[in-house]
N, C-alpha and C. Protein backbone atom coordinates (compact mmCIF):
# COMPACT_ATOMS: atom_id res chain seq x y z
N UNK A 1 42.88 38.81 -5.01
CA UNK A 1 41.53 38.53 -4.63
C UNK A 1 40.85 39.87 -4.22
N UNK A 2 39.63 40.07 -4.65
CA UNK A 2 38.90 41.20 -4.25
C UNK A 2 38.03 41.00 -3.04
N UNK A 3 37.57 42.03 -2.38
CA UNK A 3 36.74 41.95 -1.20
C UNK A 3 35.30 41.82 -1.70
N UNK A 4 34.49 41.17 -0.80
CA UNK A 4 33.06 41.09 -0.97
C UNK A 4 32.53 42.10 -0.08
N UNK A 5 31.85 43.15 -0.55
CA UNK A 5 31.31 44.22 0.20
C UNK A 5 29.81 44.24 0.16
N UNK A 6 29.14 44.10 1.28
CA UNK A 6 27.67 44.14 1.36
C UNK A 6 27.30 45.59 1.58
N UNK A 7 26.50 46.15 0.71
CA UNK A 7 26.06 47.52 0.83
C UNK A 7 24.50 47.58 0.78
N UNK A 8 23.88 48.32 1.62
CA UNK A 8 22.50 48.29 1.76
C UNK A 8 22.05 49.51 2.52
N UNK A 9 20.77 49.89 2.07
CA UNK A 9 19.99 50.99 2.78
C UNK A 9 19.27 50.39 3.97
N UNK A 10 19.25 51.02 5.08
CA UNK A 10 18.39 50.62 6.26
C UNK A 10 17.93 51.71 7.12
N UNK A 11 16.87 51.53 7.77
CA UNK A 11 16.34 52.53 8.75
C UNK A 11 16.95 52.26 10.06
N UNK A 12 16.72 53.16 11.00
CA UNK A 12 17.28 53.04 12.35
C UNK A 12 16.79 51.82 13.06
N UNK A 13 15.60 51.29 12.68
CA UNK A 13 15.15 50.07 13.29
C UNK A 13 15.47 48.77 12.50
N UNK A 14 16.35 48.93 11.53
CA UNK A 14 16.83 47.76 10.78
C UNK A 14 16.07 47.46 9.57
N UNK A 15 14.96 48.16 9.20
CA UNK A 15 14.23 47.74 8.02
C UNK A 15 14.96 48.01 6.80
N UNK A 16 14.97 47.00 5.84
CA UNK A 16 15.74 47.07 4.64
C UNK A 16 14.79 47.09 3.43
N UNK A 17 13.55 47.53 3.64
CA UNK A 17 12.60 47.71 2.57
C UNK A 17 13.14 48.93 1.72
N UNK A 18 13.48 48.74 0.47
CA UNK A 18 14.07 49.81 -0.31
C UNK A 18 13.27 51.03 -0.47
N UNK A 19 11.93 50.94 -0.26
CA UNK A 19 11.06 52.01 -0.34
C UNK A 19 11.09 53.00 0.90
N UNK A 20 11.76 52.54 1.95
CA UNK A 20 11.82 53.39 3.16
C UNK A 20 13.06 54.24 3.19
N UNK A 21 13.91 54.23 2.29
CA UNK A 21 15.06 55.05 2.28
C UNK A 21 14.86 56.37 1.60
N UNK A 22 15.77 57.32 1.81
CA UNK A 22 15.69 58.65 1.14
C UNK A 22 16.47 58.51 -0.21
N UNK A 23 15.76 58.72 -1.32
CA UNK A 23 16.36 58.49 -2.54
C UNK A 23 16.54 59.99 -3.18
N UNK A 24 17.75 60.40 -3.07
CA UNK A 24 17.98 61.76 -3.55
C UNK A 24 19.33 61.69 -4.30
N UNK A 25 19.88 62.77 -4.84
CA UNK A 25 21.11 62.81 -5.58
C UNK A 25 22.25 62.38 -4.73
N UNK A 26 22.32 62.80 -3.51
CA UNK A 26 23.37 62.40 -2.62
C UNK A 26 23.50 60.99 -2.33
N UNK A 27 22.39 60.23 -2.01
CA UNK A 27 22.43 58.88 -1.86
C UNK A 27 22.70 58.03 -3.10
N UNK A 28 22.19 58.53 -4.20
CA UNK A 28 22.44 57.84 -5.44
C UNK A 28 24.03 58.08 -5.86
N UNK A 29 24.49 59.22 -5.55
CA UNK A 29 25.95 59.46 -5.87
C UNK A 29 26.80 58.46 -5.05
N UNK A 30 26.34 58.23 -3.79
CA UNK A 30 27.11 57.29 -2.95
C UNK A 30 27.15 55.92 -3.49
N UNK A 31 25.96 55.34 -3.89
CA UNK A 31 25.91 54.08 -4.38
C UNK A 31 26.49 53.98 -5.83
N UNK A 32 26.43 55.05 -6.57
CA UNK A 32 27.10 55.05 -7.81
C UNK A 32 28.64 54.92 -7.72
N UNK A 33 29.14 55.63 -6.70
CA UNK A 33 30.61 55.55 -6.49
C UNK A 33 31.00 54.11 -6.03
N UNK A 34 30.17 53.54 -5.14
CA UNK A 34 30.51 52.18 -4.66
C UNK A 34 30.43 51.21 -5.89
N UNK A 35 29.43 51.33 -6.67
CA UNK A 35 29.39 50.41 -7.84
C UNK A 35 30.54 50.65 -8.83
N UNK A 36 30.85 51.94 -9.09
CA UNK A 36 31.91 52.31 -10.03
C UNK A 36 33.26 51.65 -9.54
N UNK A 37 33.46 51.72 -8.23
CA UNK A 37 34.77 51.17 -7.73
C UNK A 37 34.80 49.67 -7.73
N UNK A 38 33.63 48.97 -7.71
CA UNK A 38 33.55 47.47 -7.61
C UNK A 38 33.81 46.89 -9.07
N UNK A 39 34.29 45.66 -9.01
CA UNK A 39 34.54 45.09 -10.39
C UNK A 39 33.26 44.31 -10.83
N UNK A 40 32.31 44.02 -9.94
CA UNK A 40 31.12 43.28 -10.29
C UNK A 40 30.11 43.46 -9.21
N UNK A 41 28.83 43.13 -9.55
CA UNK A 41 27.70 43.17 -8.66
C UNK A 41 27.24 41.69 -8.48
N UNK A 42 26.75 41.42 -7.26
CA UNK A 42 26.20 40.16 -6.94
C UNK A 42 24.88 40.25 -6.24
N UNK A 43 23.89 39.63 -6.79
CA UNK A 43 22.49 39.65 -6.24
C UNK A 43 21.89 38.31 -6.20
N UNK A 44 20.81 38.13 -5.46
CA UNK A 44 19.97 37.06 -5.48
C UNK A 44 18.98 37.30 -6.63
N UNK A 45 18.15 36.27 -7.00
CA UNK A 45 17.22 36.41 -8.15
C UNK A 45 16.20 37.54 -7.81
N UNK A 46 15.64 37.60 -6.64
CA UNK A 46 14.65 38.58 -6.36
C UNK A 46 15.12 40.03 -6.62
N UNK A 47 16.27 40.28 -6.16
CA UNK A 47 16.93 41.57 -6.28
C UNK A 47 17.27 41.78 -7.74
N UNK A 48 17.79 40.85 -8.42
CA UNK A 48 18.14 40.94 -9.82
C UNK A 48 16.77 41.27 -10.66
N UNK A 49 15.70 40.60 -10.41
CA UNK A 49 14.49 40.89 -11.17
C UNK A 49 14.00 42.22 -10.88
N UNK A 50 14.11 42.75 -9.63
CA UNK A 50 13.64 44.14 -9.27
C UNK A 50 14.54 45.13 -10.05
N UNK A 51 15.88 44.94 -10.11
CA UNK A 51 16.69 45.80 -10.73
C UNK A 51 16.56 45.73 -12.30
N UNK A 52 16.40 44.53 -12.85
CA UNK A 52 16.17 44.29 -14.25
C UNK A 52 14.95 45.01 -14.75
N UNK A 53 13.88 45.12 -13.89
CA UNK A 53 12.61 45.74 -14.32
C UNK A 53 12.79 47.26 -14.25
N UNK A 54 13.66 47.80 -13.49
CA UNK A 54 13.68 49.25 -13.24
C UNK A 54 14.75 49.98 -14.08
N UNK A 55 15.98 49.45 -14.20
CA UNK A 55 17.12 50.32 -14.64
C UNK A 55 17.37 50.30 -16.07
N UNK A 56 17.21 49.21 -16.82
CA UNK A 56 17.55 49.27 -18.28
C UNK A 56 16.89 50.32 -19.06
N UNK A 57 15.52 50.68 -18.80
CA UNK A 57 14.87 51.77 -19.48
C UNK A 57 15.44 53.07 -19.11
N UNK A 58 15.83 53.29 -17.93
CA UNK A 58 16.43 54.54 -17.53
C UNK A 58 17.82 54.70 -18.29
N UNK A 59 18.64 53.64 -18.27
CA UNK A 59 19.95 53.69 -18.94
C UNK A 59 19.80 54.02 -20.38
N UNK A 60 18.76 53.47 -21.10
CA UNK A 60 18.52 53.62 -22.46
C UNK A 60 17.90 54.97 -22.82
N UNK A 61 17.61 55.81 -21.78
CA UNK A 61 16.95 57.10 -22.03
C UNK A 61 15.55 57.02 -22.36
N UNK A 62 14.85 55.92 -22.10
CA UNK A 62 13.47 55.74 -22.43
C UNK A 62 12.58 56.31 -21.27
N UNK A 63 13.16 56.63 -20.17
CA UNK A 63 12.41 57.13 -19.03
C UNK A 63 13.12 58.37 -18.57
N UNK A 64 12.46 59.48 -18.22
CA UNK A 64 13.09 60.64 -17.65
C UNK A 64 13.55 60.35 -16.26
N UNK A 65 14.81 60.85 -16.05
CA UNK A 65 15.38 60.64 -14.73
C UNK A 65 16.41 61.81 -14.42
N UNK A 66 16.59 62.14 -13.07
CA UNK A 66 17.59 63.09 -12.73
C UNK A 66 19.00 62.58 -13.17
N UNK A 67 19.94 63.46 -13.31
CA UNK A 67 21.33 63.06 -13.66
C UNK A 67 22.04 62.02 -12.83
N UNK A 68 21.84 62.03 -11.51
CA UNK A 68 22.46 61.07 -10.66
C UNK A 68 21.83 59.81 -10.79
N UNK A 69 20.61 59.68 -11.10
CA UNK A 69 19.91 58.37 -11.35
C UNK A 69 20.29 57.82 -12.62
N UNK A 70 20.32 58.70 -13.71
CA UNK A 70 20.74 58.22 -15.03
C UNK A 70 22.18 57.68 -14.95
N UNK A 71 23.08 58.42 -14.26
CA UNK A 71 24.51 57.96 -14.03
C UNK A 71 24.54 56.58 -13.56
N UNK A 72 23.75 56.37 -12.47
CA UNK A 72 23.73 55.06 -11.80
C UNK A 72 23.28 53.97 -12.84
N UNK A 73 22.20 54.33 -13.59
CA UNK A 73 21.73 53.25 -14.54
C UNK A 73 22.71 52.91 -15.61
N UNK A 74 23.39 53.90 -16.17
CA UNK A 74 24.36 53.81 -17.18
C UNK A 74 25.58 52.93 -16.71
N UNK A 75 26.06 53.20 -15.51
CA UNK A 75 27.14 52.40 -14.98
C UNK A 75 26.62 50.96 -14.63
N UNK A 76 25.48 50.87 -14.18
CA UNK A 76 24.93 49.50 -13.82
C UNK A 76 24.76 48.69 -15.12
N UNK A 77 24.31 49.32 -16.14
CA UNK A 77 24.16 48.63 -17.47
C UNK A 77 25.51 47.91 -17.92
N UNK A 78 26.61 48.66 -17.72
CA UNK A 78 27.92 48.19 -18.23
C UNK A 78 28.52 47.20 -17.17
N UNK A 79 28.14 47.21 -15.97
CA UNK A 79 28.79 46.44 -14.91
C UNK A 79 28.51 44.98 -15.03
N UNK A 80 29.45 44.01 -14.79
CA UNK A 80 29.14 42.62 -14.69
C UNK A 80 28.26 42.44 -13.56
N UNK A 81 27.17 41.66 -13.80
CA UNK A 81 26.18 41.35 -12.77
C UNK A 81 26.13 39.77 -12.59
N UNK A 82 26.30 39.32 -11.44
CA UNK A 82 26.22 37.87 -11.15
C UNK A 82 24.97 37.55 -10.29
N UNK A 83 24.25 36.51 -10.64
CA UNK A 83 23.05 36.27 -9.94
C UNK A 83 23.04 34.82 -9.49
N UNK A 84 22.66 34.74 -8.16
CA UNK A 84 22.52 33.38 -7.43
C UNK A 84 21.03 33.04 -7.58
N UNK A 85 20.66 31.92 -8.17
CA UNK A 85 19.34 31.47 -8.34
C UNK A 85 19.24 29.99 -8.56
N UNK A 86 18.35 29.30 -7.91
CA UNK A 86 18.07 27.94 -8.07
C UNK A 86 16.85 27.71 -8.92
N UNK A 87 16.10 28.79 -9.24
CA UNK A 87 14.92 28.64 -10.01
C UNK A 87 14.97 29.36 -11.40
N UNK A 88 15.96 30.04 -11.68
CA UNK A 88 16.09 30.70 -12.97
C UNK A 88 17.56 30.62 -13.51
N UNK A 89 17.72 30.30 -14.74
CA UNK A 89 19.01 30.11 -15.32
C UNK A 89 19.41 31.12 -16.38
N UNK A 90 18.47 31.80 -16.99
CA UNK A 90 18.56 32.73 -18.06
C UNK A 90 18.44 34.16 -17.53
N UNK A 91 19.49 35.01 -17.77
CA UNK A 91 19.46 36.37 -17.34
C UNK A 91 19.92 37.21 -18.44
N UNK A 92 18.98 37.68 -19.28
CA UNK A 92 19.21 38.39 -20.48
C UNK A 92 19.70 39.87 -20.37
N UNK A 93 19.57 40.55 -19.24
CA UNK A 93 20.06 41.80 -19.12
C UNK A 93 21.56 41.94 -19.42
N UNK A 94 22.02 42.96 -19.98
CA UNK A 94 23.43 43.12 -20.43
C UNK A 94 24.37 42.75 -19.30
N UNK A 95 25.41 41.92 -19.60
CA UNK A 95 26.48 41.63 -18.76
C UNK A 95 26.06 40.88 -17.48
N UNK A 96 24.88 40.04 -17.59
CA UNK A 96 24.43 39.32 -16.45
C UNK A 96 24.82 37.89 -16.59
N UNK A 97 25.18 37.31 -15.53
CA UNK A 97 25.74 35.87 -15.52
C UNK A 97 25.04 35.15 -14.36
N UNK A 98 24.70 33.88 -14.56
CA UNK A 98 24.26 33.04 -13.53
C UNK A 98 25.43 32.48 -12.81
N UNK A 99 25.46 32.60 -11.41
CA UNK A 99 26.52 32.05 -10.65
C UNK A 99 26.15 30.65 -10.25
N UNK A 100 26.74 29.72 -10.85
CA UNK A 100 26.41 28.30 -10.69
C UNK A 100 27.31 27.53 -9.65
N UNK A 101 26.84 26.45 -9.24
CA UNK A 101 27.60 25.61 -8.24
C UNK A 101 27.32 25.89 -6.75
N UNK A 102 28.08 25.25 -6.00
CA UNK A 102 27.88 25.30 -4.53
C UNK A 102 28.08 26.75 -4.18
N UNK A 103 27.28 27.44 -3.36
CA UNK A 103 27.27 28.85 -3.12
C UNK A 103 28.62 29.39 -2.64
N UNK A 104 29.14 28.74 -1.62
CA UNK A 104 30.45 29.22 -1.01
C UNK A 104 31.57 29.24 -1.99
N UNK A 105 31.76 28.03 -2.67
CA UNK A 105 32.84 27.90 -3.61
C UNK A 105 32.59 28.88 -4.84
N UNK A 106 31.36 29.02 -5.30
CA UNK A 106 31.07 29.88 -6.47
C UNK A 106 31.42 31.41 -6.10
N UNK A 107 31.02 31.81 -4.95
CA UNK A 107 31.27 33.25 -4.53
C UNK A 107 32.79 33.43 -4.28
N UNK A 108 33.43 32.41 -3.64
CA UNK A 108 34.89 32.51 -3.51
C UNK A 108 35.63 32.63 -4.85
N UNK A 109 35.27 31.84 -5.86
CA UNK A 109 35.78 32.01 -7.21
C UNK A 109 35.56 33.36 -7.76
N UNK A 110 34.36 33.89 -7.49
CA UNK A 110 34.08 35.25 -8.03
C UNK A 110 34.96 36.33 -7.44
N UNK A 111 35.12 36.21 -6.13
CA UNK A 111 36.04 37.08 -5.40
C UNK A 111 37.41 36.95 -5.93
N UNK A 112 37.88 35.73 -6.21
CA UNK A 112 39.25 35.47 -6.63
C UNK A 112 39.51 36.07 -7.98
N UNK A 113 38.49 36.04 -8.83
CA UNK A 113 38.63 36.58 -10.21
C UNK A 113 38.21 38.07 -10.37
N UNK A 114 37.98 38.68 -9.31
CA UNK A 114 37.53 40.08 -9.37
C UNK A 114 38.38 40.95 -8.43
N UNK A 115 39.57 41.41 -8.88
CA UNK A 115 40.45 42.13 -8.02
C UNK A 115 39.94 43.43 -7.48
N UNK A 116 38.96 44.04 -8.12
CA UNK A 116 38.42 45.34 -7.64
C UNK A 116 37.22 45.06 -6.76
N UNK A 117 36.91 43.83 -6.49
CA UNK A 117 35.95 43.44 -5.47
C UNK A 117 34.53 43.35 -6.10
N UNK A 118 33.68 42.76 -5.28
CA UNK A 118 32.30 42.40 -5.59
C UNK A 118 31.34 43.16 -4.67
N UNK A 119 30.42 43.87 -5.19
CA UNK A 119 29.41 44.60 -4.41
C UNK A 119 28.18 43.76 -4.32
N UNK A 120 27.79 43.38 -3.11
CA UNK A 120 26.66 42.55 -2.81
C UNK A 120 25.55 43.45 -2.35
N UNK A 121 24.25 43.30 -2.94
CA UNK A 121 23.17 44.14 -2.58
C UNK A 121 21.86 43.43 -2.41
N UNK A 122 21.93 42.18 -1.85
CA UNK A 122 20.75 41.36 -1.58
C UNK A 122 20.80 40.95 -0.14
N UNK A 123 19.67 41.28 0.66
CA UNK A 123 19.71 41.04 2.01
C UNK A 123 19.62 39.47 2.35
N UNK A 124 18.79 38.76 1.73
CA UNK A 124 18.69 37.36 1.98
C UNK A 124 20.01 36.61 1.62
N UNK A 125 20.52 37.00 0.37
CA UNK A 125 21.82 36.37 0.02
C UNK A 125 22.95 36.77 0.93
N UNK A 126 22.89 37.99 1.58
CA UNK A 126 23.91 38.42 2.43
C UNK A 126 23.88 37.52 3.69
N UNK A 127 22.71 37.21 4.12
CA UNK A 127 22.71 36.33 5.35
C UNK A 127 23.31 34.99 5.06
N UNK A 128 22.98 34.37 3.86
CA UNK A 128 23.59 33.06 3.47
C UNK A 128 25.13 33.20 3.40
N UNK A 129 25.63 34.32 2.81
CA UNK A 129 27.04 34.56 2.67
C UNK A 129 27.77 34.87 3.95
N UNK A 130 26.96 35.57 4.77
CA UNK A 130 27.58 35.86 6.23
C UNK A 130 27.70 34.49 6.97
N UNK A 131 26.78 33.67 6.82
CA UNK A 131 26.89 32.36 7.44
C UNK A 131 28.12 31.52 7.00
N UNK A 132 28.51 31.85 5.76
CA UNK A 132 29.70 31.17 5.20
C UNK A 132 31.01 31.95 5.37
N UNK A 133 30.93 33.03 6.19
CA UNK A 133 32.10 33.96 6.46
C UNK A 133 32.74 34.50 5.26
N UNK A 134 31.90 34.87 4.27
CA UNK A 134 32.49 35.43 2.96
C UNK A 134 32.40 36.92 2.87
N UNK A 135 31.71 37.55 3.67
CA UNK A 135 31.56 39.07 3.56
C UNK A 135 32.72 39.72 4.28
N UNK A 136 33.45 40.55 3.50
CA UNK A 136 34.64 41.25 4.09
C UNK A 136 34.35 42.70 4.63
N UNK A 137 33.37 43.40 3.99
CA UNK A 137 33.06 44.74 4.38
C UNK A 137 31.61 44.90 4.34
N UNK A 138 31.17 45.88 5.13
CA UNK A 138 29.72 46.26 5.20
C UNK A 138 29.60 47.71 4.99
N UNK A 139 28.81 48.15 4.10
CA UNK A 139 28.56 49.63 3.80
C UNK A 139 27.10 49.80 4.03
N UNK A 140 26.71 50.41 5.16
CA UNK A 140 25.34 50.64 5.46
C UNK A 140 24.98 52.11 5.33
N UNK A 141 23.95 52.41 4.60
CA UNK A 141 23.40 53.82 4.53
C UNK A 141 22.22 53.76 5.41
N UNK A 142 22.42 54.37 6.61
CA UNK A 142 21.39 54.40 7.69
C UNK A 142 20.53 55.70 7.51
N UNK A 143 19.28 55.47 7.29
CA UNK A 143 18.35 56.62 7.02
C UNK A 143 17.74 57.04 8.38
N UNK A 144 17.48 58.36 8.58
CA UNK A 144 16.84 58.79 9.81
C UNK A 144 15.35 58.54 9.93
N UNK A 145 15.07 57.34 9.91
CA UNK A 145 13.64 56.89 9.88
C UNK A 145 13.49 55.64 10.71
N UNK A 146 12.33 55.55 11.39
CA UNK A 146 11.92 54.36 12.02
C UNK A 146 10.66 53.84 11.33
N UNK A 147 10.77 52.71 10.70
CA UNK A 147 9.67 52.23 9.81
C UNK A 147 8.60 51.47 10.60
N UNK A 148 8.99 50.76 11.55
CA UNK A 148 8.07 50.03 12.35
C UNK A 148 7.58 48.68 11.69
N UNK A 149 8.30 48.34 10.59
CA UNK A 149 7.95 47.07 9.98
C UNK A 149 9.18 46.47 9.30
N UNK A 150 9.05 45.31 8.79
CA UNK A 150 10.18 44.61 8.05
C UNK A 150 10.13 44.74 6.62
N UNK A 151 10.90 43.97 5.85
CA UNK A 151 11.93 43.10 6.37
C UNK A 151 13.01 43.73 7.07
N UNK A 152 13.79 42.96 7.90
CA UNK A 152 14.85 43.55 8.60
C UNK A 152 16.20 42.82 8.25
N UNK A 153 17.29 43.48 8.57
CA UNK A 153 18.56 42.90 8.24
C UNK A 153 18.81 41.61 8.95
N UNK A 154 19.22 40.63 8.17
CA UNK A 154 19.50 39.30 8.79
C UNK A 154 18.31 38.79 9.59
N UNK A 155 17.15 38.91 9.09
CA UNK A 155 15.90 38.48 9.72
C UNK A 155 15.93 37.01 10.02
N UNK A 156 16.57 36.17 9.17
CA UNK A 156 16.64 34.72 9.40
C UNK A 156 17.64 34.34 10.48
N UNK A 157 18.35 35.35 10.86
CA UNK A 157 19.41 35.09 11.93
C UNK A 157 20.78 34.56 11.46
N UNK A 158 21.72 34.71 12.29
CA UNK A 158 23.06 34.22 12.04
C UNK A 158 23.56 33.31 13.14
N UNK A 159 24.42 32.33 12.94
CA UNK A 159 24.78 31.46 13.93
C UNK A 159 25.63 32.08 15.08
N UNK A 160 26.17 33.26 14.88
CA UNK A 160 26.98 33.91 15.91
C UNK A 160 27.04 35.46 15.63
N UNK A 161 27.40 36.24 16.53
CA UNK A 161 27.54 37.68 16.45
C UNK A 161 28.71 37.89 15.55
N UNK A 162 28.55 38.89 14.69
CA UNK A 162 29.71 39.37 13.82
C UNK A 162 30.28 40.53 14.51
N UNK A 163 31.61 40.44 14.74
CA UNK A 163 32.34 41.73 15.28
C UNK A 163 32.82 42.46 14.14
N UNK A 164 32.62 43.81 14.12
CA UNK A 164 33.01 44.69 13.02
C UNK A 164 33.88 45.78 13.52
N UNK A 165 34.73 46.28 12.67
CA UNK A 165 35.57 47.45 13.01
C UNK A 165 35.13 48.65 12.12
N UNK A 166 34.80 49.71 12.75
CA UNK A 166 34.33 50.87 12.04
C UNK A 166 35.62 51.50 11.29
N UNK A 167 35.29 51.68 9.95
CA UNK A 167 36.38 52.26 9.05
C UNK A 167 36.10 53.75 8.74
N UNK A 168 34.77 54.00 8.71
CA UNK A 168 34.39 55.47 8.38
C UNK A 168 32.94 55.60 8.78
N UNK A 169 32.56 56.81 9.13
CA UNK A 169 31.22 57.32 9.35
C UNK A 169 31.08 58.70 8.64
N UNK A 170 30.11 58.72 7.70
CA UNK A 170 30.05 60.06 6.93
C UNK A 170 28.62 60.43 6.91
N UNK A 171 28.30 61.53 7.62
CA UNK A 171 26.90 62.02 7.65
C UNK A 171 26.64 62.77 6.29
N UNK A 172 25.36 62.56 5.80
CA UNK A 172 24.99 63.26 4.52
C UNK A 172 24.05 64.47 4.91
N UNK A 173 23.79 65.36 4.08
CA UNK A 173 23.01 66.54 4.28
C UNK A 173 21.59 66.13 4.59
N UNK A 174 21.05 64.96 4.15
CA UNK A 174 19.70 64.62 4.30
C UNK A 174 19.42 63.98 5.65
N UNK A 175 20.53 63.84 6.55
CA UNK A 175 20.36 63.19 7.77
C UNK A 175 20.76 61.76 7.82
N UNK A 176 20.91 61.11 6.68
CA UNK A 176 21.46 59.77 6.64
C UNK A 176 22.93 59.73 6.99
N UNK A 177 23.42 58.56 7.37
CA UNK A 177 24.87 58.35 7.70
C UNK A 177 25.32 57.15 6.98
N UNK A 178 26.51 57.29 6.34
CA UNK A 178 27.13 56.10 5.66
C UNK A 178 28.06 55.54 6.69
N UNK A 179 27.86 54.29 7.00
CA UNK A 179 28.75 53.54 7.97
C UNK A 179 29.42 52.46 7.23
N UNK A 180 30.82 52.49 7.30
CA UNK A 180 31.61 51.53 6.66
C UNK A 180 32.36 50.71 7.72
N UNK A 181 32.16 49.40 7.69
CA UNK A 181 32.75 48.48 8.54
C UNK A 181 33.57 47.42 7.84
N UNK A 182 34.57 46.93 8.49
CA UNK A 182 35.38 45.76 7.99
C UNK A 182 35.20 44.67 9.07
N UNK A 183 35.16 43.42 8.67
CA UNK A 183 35.05 42.36 9.63
C UNK A 183 36.30 42.37 10.51
N UNK A 184 36.08 42.23 11.85
CA UNK A 184 37.13 42.20 12.76
C UNK A 184 37.73 40.76 12.74
N UNK A 185 39.04 40.73 12.71
CA UNK A 185 39.69 39.47 12.67
C UNK A 185 40.03 38.96 14.11
N UNK A 186 39.99 37.74 14.34
CA UNK A 186 40.43 37.18 15.62
C UNK A 186 39.30 37.20 16.65
């Protein structure tokens, strides 16, 4: 069984608006490595649609992009992508699949069939999966910014505090810090 890893950019005040982070070669290289190591991606519909609109033209070479961004797009194109949605059933982007059925059971099946793990990149879906105790690891790229607005991480709340164990903290040249946590047991 693979781990479900939630990876996300956020500011010091918890804002998860993707436009607030620092997008440079170093941050893209970090997320490219995370994706490359994972067996599959897992998103909610909103995140999927944002990604579907942006990345296929870059992977196809139809849009100029720096090497790190193109590398991300090419890897993403080939990666299995699973989407949770109650409003959309057809996902035409290469290697995209609709994750059907009861959320907890469907995600557990996906974890069970993906020994290299599943990389989760949707904030609202992460809240739902955290409520079901399905997230194993958290990889946060914390940017040295205070945005003063939302959306924020787990904005809808959790039923209880999640205790985490720090596995690694890696500062980047741009001032951001990669924080890697595993759920604390017991």
